[in-house]
């Protein structure tokens, strides 16, 4: 099961790189990485022992990652300049 999930994840990641610019695919990939931990919990029976303060910090970090990804996705013109060399 682990090998199958690894192959599928690699194929999906590579197709995301081919589908669009890195500006669009890399932030989404980075935000989705923590979800692999959840998949390990559910599919593979792994357990992460976290106390309440650490869980709160993790929740804030995931929220910040999601907010940053949304902001990056909306800021499509960040690499463009208004300078015209003519």
N, C-alpha and C. Protein backbone atom coordinates (compact mmCIF):
# COMPACT_ATOMS: atom_id res chain seq x y z
N UNK A 1 0.83 -1.19 0.00
CA UNK A 1 0.00 0.00 0.00
C UNK A 1 0.87 1.26 0.00
N UNK A 2 1.94 1.24 0.78
CA UNK A 2 2.85 2.39 0.86
C UNK A 2 3.50 2.68 -0.50
N UNK A 3 3.90 1.64 -1.20
CA UNK A 3 4.53 1.82 -2.51
C UNK A 3 3.53 2.39 -3.51
N UNK A 4 2.31 1.89 -3.49
CA UNK A 4 1.28 2.38 -4.40
C UNK A 4 0.98 3.85 -4.14
N UNK A 5 0.82 4.22 -2.87
CA UNK A 5 0.55 5.62 -2.52
C UNK A 5 1.73 6.50 -2.92
N UNK A 6 2.94 6.03 -2.72
CA UNK A 6 4.12 6.80 -3.10
C UNK A 6 4.21 7.05 -4.60
N UNK A 7 3.92 6.02 -5.38
CA UNK A 7 3.94 6.16 -6.84
C UNK A 7 2.85 7.13 -7.30
N UNK A 8 1.65 6.99 -6.76
CA UNK A 8 0.55 7.88 -7.14
C UNK A 8 0.87 9.32 -6.76
N UNK A 9 1.41 9.53 -5.56
CA UNK A 9 1.75 10.89 -5.13
C UNK A 9 2.82 11.50 -6.02
N UNK A 10 3.81 10.72 -6.41
CA UNK A 10 4.86 11.23 -7.29
C UNK A 10 4.30 11.59 -8.66
N UNK A 11 3.43 10.75 -9.21
CA UNK A 11 2.82 11.04 -10.50
C UNK A 11 1.96 12.30 -10.45
N UNK A 12 1.19 12.46 -9.39
CA UNK A 12 0.36 13.65 -9.24
C UNK A 12 1.22 14.90 -9.11
N UNK A 13 2.29 14.81 -8.36
CA UNK A 13 3.18 15.96 -8.19
C UNK A 13 3.83 16.35 -9.51
N UNK A 14 4.30 15.38 -10.25
CA UNK A 14 4.94 15.68 -11.53
C UNK A 14 3.94 16.24 -12.54
N UNK A 15 2.71 15.74 -12.53
CA UNK A 15 1.70 16.29 -13.44
C UNK A 15 1.34 17.72 -13.05
N UNK A 16 1.40 18.05 -11.77
CA UNK A 16 1.15 19.43 -11.34
C UNK A 16 2.26 20.35 -11.85
N UNK A 17 3.49 19.87 -11.86
CA UNK A 17 4.58 20.69 -12.39
C UNK A 17 4.41 20.95 -13.88
N UNK A 18 3.87 19.96 -14.60
CA UNK A 18 3.68 20.12 -16.04
C UNK A 18 2.43 20.94 -16.37
N UNK A 19 1.48 21.00 -15.47
CA UNK A 19 0.21 21.66 -15.74
C UNK A 19 0.31 23.17 -15.74
N UNK A 20 1.20 23.73 -14.96
CA UNK A 20 1.26 25.19 -14.88
C UNK A 20 2.62 25.66 -14.40
N UNK A 21 2.65 26.91 -14.05
CA UNK A 21 3.90 27.50 -13.59
C UNK A 21 4.25 27.01 -12.18
N UNK A 22 5.50 27.14 -11.83
CA UNK A 22 5.92 26.76 -10.48
C UNK A 22 5.26 27.63 -9.43
N UNK A 23 4.96 28.87 -9.78
CA UNK A 23 4.30 29.77 -8.84
C UNK A 23 2.96 29.20 -8.39
N UNK A 24 2.30 28.45 -9.26
CA UNK A 24 1.01 27.86 -8.90
C UNK A 24 1.14 26.50 -8.24
N UNK A 25 2.09 25.68 -8.70
CA UNK A 25 2.14 24.31 -8.21
C UNK A 25 2.91 24.12 -6.92
N UNK A 26 3.99 24.86 -6.71
CA UNK A 26 4.82 24.66 -5.52
C UNK A 26 4.09 25.04 -4.23
N UNK A 27 3.43 26.21 -4.15
CA UNK A 27 2.72 26.52 -2.90
C UNK A 27 1.64 25.49 -2.57
N UNK A 28 0.93 25.03 -3.57
CA UNK A 28 -0.10 24.01 -3.31
C UNK A 28 0.53 22.73 -2.81
N UNK A 29 1.66 22.36 -3.39
CA UNK A 29 2.35 21.14 -2.96
C UNK A 29 2.81 21.26 -1.51
N UNK A 30 3.33 22.42 -1.15
CA UNK A 30 3.82 22.61 0.22
C UNK A 30 2.69 22.60 1.24
N UNK A 31 1.56 23.14 0.88
CA UNK A 31 0.42 23.14 1.81
C UNK A 31 -0.16 21.75 1.95
N UNK A 32 -0.12 20.97 0.89
CA UNK A 32 -0.71 19.64 0.95
C UNK A 32 0.19 18.62 1.65
N UNK A 33 1.46 18.95 1.87
CA UNK A 33 2.35 18.01 2.55
C UNK A 33 1.85 17.59 3.93
N UNK A 34 1.36 18.51 4.77
CA UNK A 34 0.86 18.05 6.07
C UNK A 34 -0.29 17.06 5.98
N UNK A 35 -1.02 17.11 4.88
CA UNK A 35 -2.12 16.15 4.72
C UNK A 35 -1.60 14.74 4.55
N UNK A 36 -0.35 14.59 4.11
CA UNK A 36 0.22 13.25 4.02
C UNK A 36 0.35 12.63 5.41
N UNK A 37 0.55 13.49 6.40
CA UNK A 37 0.60 13.01 7.78
C UNK A 37 -0.76 12.45 8.18
N UNK A 38 -1.81 13.15 7.78
CA UNK A 38 -3.16 12.67 8.09
C UNK A 38 -3.44 11.36 7.37
N UNK A 39 -2.95 11.23 6.14
CA UNK A 39 -3.12 9.98 5.41
C UNK A 39 -2.38 8.84 6.11
N UNK A 40 -1.22 9.14 6.67
CA UNK A 40 -0.49 8.13 7.43
C UNK A 40 -1.26 7.69 8.65
N UNK A 41 -1.92 8.63 9.30
CA UNK A 41 -2.75 8.30 10.47
C UNK A 41 -3.89 7.38 10.08
N UNK A 42 -4.59 7.74 9.01
CA UNK A 42 -5.81 7.02 8.63
C UNK A 42 -5.50 5.71 7.92
N UNK A 43 -4.65 5.78 6.90
CA UNK A 43 -4.42 4.60 6.06
C UNK A 43 -3.42 3.61 6.63
N UNK A 44 -2.40 4.13 7.30
CA UNK A 44 -1.32 3.25 7.75
C UNK A 44 -1.31 3.00 9.25
N UNK A 45 -2.22 3.65 9.98
CA UNK A 45 -2.33 3.43 11.41
C UNK A 45 -1.21 4.05 12.23
N UNK A 46 -0.55 5.07 11.69
CA UNK A 46 0.50 5.75 12.44
C UNK A 46 -0.14 6.66 13.48
N UNK A 47 0.60 6.95 14.53
CA UNK A 47 0.08 7.81 15.57
C UNK A 47 1.13 8.85 15.96
N UNK A 48 0.69 10.09 16.06
CA UNK A 48 1.56 11.19 16.43
C UNK A 48 1.14 11.65 17.82
N UNK A 49 2.03 11.50 18.78
CA UNK A 49 1.73 11.90 20.15
C UNK A 49 2.05 13.38 20.32
N UNK A 50 1.01 14.20 20.48
CA UNK A 50 1.17 15.65 20.58
C UNK A 50 0.36 16.13 21.78
N UNK A 51 0.99 16.98 22.59
CA UNK A 51 0.24 17.56 23.69
C UNK A 51 -0.57 18.76 23.18
N UNK A 52 -1.45 19.31 24.01
CA UNK A 52 -2.36 20.37 23.57
C UNK A 52 -1.64 21.63 23.10
N UNK A 53 -0.60 22.12 23.79
CA UNK A 53 0.09 23.31 23.28
C UNK A 53 0.72 23.09 21.90
N UNK A 54 1.31 21.92 21.71
CA UNK A 54 1.92 21.62 20.40
C UNK A 54 0.86 21.51 19.32
N UNK A 55 -0.28 20.94 19.64
CA UNK A 55 -1.37 20.83 18.68
C UNK A 55 -1.89 22.20 18.28
N UNK A 56 -1.94 23.12 19.23
CA UNK A 56 -2.37 24.49 18.92
C UNK A 56 -1.37 25.17 17.99
N UNK A 57 -0.09 24.98 18.24
CA UNK A 57 0.94 25.57 17.38
C UNK A 57 0.85 24.97 15.98
N UNK A 58 0.66 23.68 15.88
CA UNK A 58 0.52 23.02 14.58
C UNK A 58 -0.70 23.54 13.83
N UNK A 59 -1.81 23.74 14.52
CA UNK A 59 -3.02 24.25 13.87
C UNK A 59 -2.80 25.66 13.34
N UNK A 60 -2.12 26.50 14.11
CA UNK A 60 -1.83 27.87 13.65
C UNK A 60 -0.89 27.82 12.44
N UNK A 61 0.10 26.95 12.47
CA UNK A 61 1.04 26.84 11.35
C UNK A 61 0.33 26.39 10.08
N UNK A 62 -0.55 25.42 10.18
CA UNK A 62 -1.29 24.95 9.00
C UNK A 62 -2.20 26.06 8.48
N UNK A 63 -2.83 26.79 9.37
CA UNK A 63 -3.66 27.92 8.95
C UNK A 63 -2.86 29.00 8.24
N UNK A 64 -1.68 29.29 8.76
CA UNK A 64 -0.81 30.29 8.13
C UNK A 64 -0.34 29.82 6.76
N UNK A 65 -0.03 28.54 6.63
CA UNK A 65 0.37 28.01 5.33
C UNK A 65 -0.76 28.11 4.32
N UNK A 66 -1.97 27.79 4.75
CA UNK A 66 -3.12 27.87 3.85
C UNK A 66 -3.37 29.32 3.43
N UNK A 67 -3.30 30.25 4.37
CA UNK A 67 -3.52 31.67 4.06
C UNK A 67 -2.44 32.19 3.11
N UNK A 68 -1.20 31.79 3.31
CA UNK A 68 -0.12 32.23 2.43
C UNK A 68 -0.30 31.67 1.02
N UNK A 69 -0.75 30.43 0.92
CA UNK A 69 -0.97 29.84 -0.40
C UNK A 69 -2.09 30.55 -1.14
N UNK A 70 -3.15 30.88 -0.44
CA UNK A 70 -4.26 31.62 -1.06
C UNK A 70 -3.77 32.99 -1.52
N UNK A 71 -2.98 33.65 -0.69
CA UNK A 71 -2.44 34.96 -1.06
C UNK A 71 -1.53 34.85 -2.28
N UNK A 72 -0.68 33.84 -2.33
CA UNK A 72 0.19 33.65 -3.49
C UNK A 72 -0.61 33.36 -4.75
N UNK A 73 -1.65 32.58 -4.61
CA UNK A 73 -2.48 32.25 -5.76
C UNK A 73 -3.21 33.46 -6.32
N UNK A 74 -3.59 34.38 -5.47
CA UNK A 74 -4.31 35.57 -5.91
C UNK A 74 -3.37 36.64 -6.47
N UNK A 75 -2.11 36.59 -6.13
CA UNK A 75 -1.15 37.59 -6.55
C UNK A 75 -0.41 37.11 -7.80
N UNK A 76 -1.14 36.91 -8.89
CA UNK A 76 -0.55 36.35 -10.11
C UNK A 76 0.42 37.30 -10.78
N UNK A 77 0.26 38.59 -10.60
CA UNK A 77 1.11 39.55 -11.28
C UNK A 77 2.33 39.98 -10.49
N UNK A 78 2.72 39.24 -9.49
CA UNK A 78 3.83 39.66 -8.64
C UNK A 78 5.15 39.70 -9.40
N UNK A 79 5.33 38.87 -10.40
CA UNK A 79 6.58 38.84 -11.13
C UNK A 79 6.63 39.84 -12.28
N UNK A 80 5.53 40.49 -12.57
CA UNK A 80 5.47 41.44 -13.68
C UNK A 80 5.86 42.83 -13.21
N UNK A 81 6.44 43.56 -14.11
CA UNK A 81 6.78 44.96 -13.81
C UNK A 81 6.05 45.87 -14.79
N UNK A 82 5.85 47.11 -14.42
CA UNK A 82 5.17 48.05 -15.31
C UNK A 82 6.16 48.76 -16.22
N UNK A 83 7.43 48.46 -16.10
CA UNK A 83 8.44 49.10 -16.91
C UNK A 83 8.37 48.58 -18.33
N UNK A 84 8.38 49.50 -19.31
CA UNK A 84 8.33 49.14 -20.72
C UNK A 84 9.63 49.59 -21.37
N UNK A 85 10.45 48.66 -21.89
CA UNK A 85 11.77 49.02 -22.41
C UNK A 85 11.76 49.73 -23.76
N UNK A 86 10.62 50.07 -24.34
CA UNK A 86 10.59 50.72 -25.65
C UNK A 86 11.13 52.08 -25.62
